[in-house]
């Protein structure tokens, strides 16, 4: 109750009690008591332009040991990678919990 979802908006400014955004080329500002910004995982131009092996979405492909499939001396973890052996299962999902679990190994 009282929750407003604003899809496909570009947030321009967040203060303690307002959010300024643009949507469909229109600028708007709303008053808020609390705001949550939810984004999906997207790949970085760094990987897309690097010449490294990436999946169709631009995430760097790694093996089960988090090594880049092209260069085993490059490691990746978290939401910026795609584990090659799990690609058909879309696992792990792009969720921070997996990045936290991978960190001790990197």
Protein backbone atom coordinates (compact mmCIF):
# COMPACT_ATOMS: atom_id res chain seq x y z
CA UNK A 1 0.00 0.00 0.00
CA UNK A 2 1.37 3.37 -0.95
CA UNK A 3 4.12 1.90 -3.11
CA UNK A 4 4.74 3.48 -6.49
CA UNK A 5 6.74 1.56 -9.10
CA UNK A 6 8.22 3.66 -11.88
CA UNK A 7 9.58 1.35 -14.59
CA UNK A 8 12.07 2.38 -17.27
CA UNK A 9 12.97 5.64 -15.56
CA UNK A 10 16.39 7.22 -15.39
CA UNK A 11 17.09 8.45 -11.86
CA UNK A 12 18.85 11.80 -11.94
CA UNK A 13 18.99 12.76 -8.27
CA UNK A 14 18.08 11.21 -4.91
CA UNK A 15 17.79 13.21 -1.70
CA UNK A 16 16.48 12.16 1.69
CA UNK A 17 12.92 13.09 0.71
CA UNK A 18 12.78 13.38 -3.11
CA UNK A 19 13.66 11.45 -6.24
CA UNK A 20 14.15 13.30 -9.52
CA UNK A 21 13.90 11.19 -12.65
CA UNK A 22 13.21 11.30 -16.37
CA UNK A 23 10.80 8.98 -18.12
CA UNK A 24 9.77 9.17 -21.77
CA UNK A 25 11.76 12.41 -22.08
CA UNK A 26 9.76 14.07 -19.28
CA UNK A 27 11.35 15.28 -16.06
CA UNK A 28 9.58 14.53 -12.77
CA UNK A 29 10.21 14.76 -9.05
CA UNK A 30 8.33 12.87 -6.34
CA UNK A 31 8.35 13.18 -2.58
CA UNK A 32 9.35 10.00 -0.76
CA UNK A 33 9.55 8.67 2.76
CA UNK A 34 11.77 5.81 1.62
CA UNK A 35 13.14 4.84 -1.78
CA UNK A 36 14.42 1.58 -3.23
CA UNK A 37 16.30 1.55 -6.48
CA UNK A 38 16.21 -1.87 -8.15
CA UNK A 39 18.38 -2.53 -11.17
CA UNK A 40 19.13 -5.60 -13.21
CA UNK A 41 22.59 -6.95 -13.88
CA UNK A 42 24.22 -5.57 -16.99
CA UNK A 43 27.64 -6.25 -18.40
CA UNK A 44 30.40 -3.69 -18.67
CA UNK A 45 31.72 -2.19 -21.88
CA UNK A 46 35.16 -3.19 -20.59
CA UNK A 47 34.43 -6.85 -21.29
CA UNK A 48 32.53 -6.27 -24.53
CA UNK A 49 35.42 -4.24 -25.95
CA UNK A 50 38.29 -6.26 -24.48
CA UNK A 51 38.43 -9.10 -26.97
CA UNK A 52 37.86 -11.58 -24.13
CA UNK A 53 35.33 -14.35 -24.63
CA UNK A 54 31.89 -13.10 -23.47
CA UNK A 55 28.38 -14.54 -23.57
CA UNK A 56 25.56 -13.04 -25.65
CA UNK A 57 24.86 -10.48 -22.92
CA UNK A 58 28.52 -9.40 -22.67
CA UNK A 59 29.46 -11.13 -19.40
CA UNK A 60 33.01 -12.52 -19.26
CA UNK A 61 33.10 -16.31 -19.59
CA UNK A 62 34.98 -18.11 -16.84
CA UNK A 63 35.61 -21.76 -15.99
CA UNK A 64 34.59 -23.51 -12.77
CA UNK A 65 37.66 -22.01 -11.07
CA UNK A 66 36.61 -18.44 -11.99
CA UNK A 67 39.44 -18.15 -14.52
CA UNK A 68 38.82 -16.37 -17.80
CA UNK A 69 38.40 -19.08 -20.45
CA UNK A 70 40.91 -17.27 -22.70
CA UNK A 71 43.52 -16.28 -20.14
CA UNK A 72 43.78 -18.43 -16.97
CA UNK A 73 45.75 -15.66 -15.21
CA UNK A 74 42.66 -13.39 -15.32
CA UNK A 75 39.96 -14.12 -12.73
CA UNK A 76 36.42 -12.87 -12.45
CA UNK A 77 33.61 -13.17 -9.97
CA UNK A 78 30.18 -11.92 -9.11
CA UNK A 79 27.64 -10.47 -11.49
CA UNK A 80 30.15 -9.55 -14.22
CA UNK A 81 30.86 -13.17 -15.19
CA UNK A 82 29.20 -16.15 -16.80
CA UNK A 83 30.35 -19.61 -15.69
CA UNK A 84 30.74 -21.42 -19.01
CA UNK A 85 29.84 -24.90 -17.73
CA UNK A 86 26.57 -23.56 -16.30
CA UNK A 87 25.46 -21.39 -19.22
CA UNK A 88 22.67 -23.71 -20.34
CA UNK A 89 21.21 -23.70 -16.80
CA UNK A 90 21.54 -19.89 -16.36
CA UNK A 91 23.21 -20.54 -13.02
CA UNK A 92 24.24 -18.90 -10.82
CA UNK A 93 21.72 -16.08 -11.14
CA UNK A 94 22.99 -12.52 -11.08
CA UNK A 95 22.59 -12.12 -7.32
CA UNK A 96 25.09 -10.61 -4.91
CA UNK A 97 25.09 -13.67 -2.66
CA UNK A 98 27.13 -15.59 -5.25
CA UNK A 99 29.69 -12.80 -5.48
CA UNK A 100 30.10 -12.92 -1.71
CA UNK A 101 30.61 -16.70 -1.84
CA UNK A 102 33.22 -16.39 -4.63
CA UNK A 103 35.26 -13.64 -2.93
CA UNK A 104 37.32 -15.84 -0.59
CA UNK A 105 38.58 -17.82 -3.59
CA UNK A 106 39.67 -14.75 -5.50
